[in-house]
Amino acid sequence: MVKKVLIVLFLFLAVAGVGIYFANTSESLFFDTAPWALAAALVAGIILGTARAVLKGKPEIVGGQVIRHGVGSFVEHWGTFIGGLVLTASAIMLGFLFIPSFVKTVSAATFPLNMHFIGLAIAIFSGFFWLADFIVSRNYSSLVPNLADVIGGTIAKYFLRRKWEYEDKYLSSQKAAWLAFAVLGAGVFATGVIKVAAHVWRLQSSVYSITTFIHDIFALLFIVLVIVHVLIIAALGHWPSLRSWVTGKMSEKYVEEELPVWYKKLQKGA
């Protein structure tokens, strides 16, 4: 499974690397000359994500190990990560909110803007791959939190130190974090669509400025949330969850003890 992760990582890094190379050598702005590529990434993500939902198998227990993530999950997770990394790096180069710009001239802005385009294309493909898979699979409760997940499985469990035994494939706190990511991600995407549309249709400068400000706030909050999320997972000792994004596996004993609801489902499936 680790080999599959490395292959997925290599492919996304190769796409990002080639894209950044052309972003650096091109004199034209990709947002002006190739907006169709973003639409193509979206459509490709939907088609392949749908296929993944239809064809993927059920999680199973093999030799004391629970197969938690497949190749499709690695595409969703690592593709989004690499796309987000390129987006963040290019945004820092361009400067946003209180971060000063490294770009001094209009012509010098072409490279980081094209780099932003490449990161956006990767993130759109990965994001819509996940969205199509999520909708077609219809297993919404595994990731969408309910009130009990937020109150009992997050607030009461970690702040009031109360026992909580209703953990599914994803911890209740992870599901609560996912909701925050979804809200911020939707904000980044919606405002980003308006900014991209400005390269195709004429948009009032005041509307563009306000949209950019809101876009930057959502983006900054998203970046902060990613950092905090990883630090909290590490601080609370949920290393098996992090390792599973590389190995694809979790020990059966850990799943039985920490994710009892999911373990019962796995046993029934077996």
Foldseek 3Di string as FASTA:
>chain_A
DLVLLVVLLVVLVVLLVVQLVCLVVDQDACLQVPVVLLVVLLVLLLVLLLVCLVPDDDWAADPQKIQLDDSLVSLLVSLLVVLLVLLVVLCLCCDDDPRDHVDDDPSSNSSSSSSNVSSSSSNSNSVSSNVNSCVNNVPVPLQAADPCLCVVQPCCCPVVVDDDQAAASHGSNNSVLVVVLVVLVVLLVVLVVVLSVCSVDPDDPVVNVVSRNSNRVSSVVNVVSVVVVVVVCVVVVVVQVVCCSNVSIDGLVCCVVRHVNNNVVNVVVD
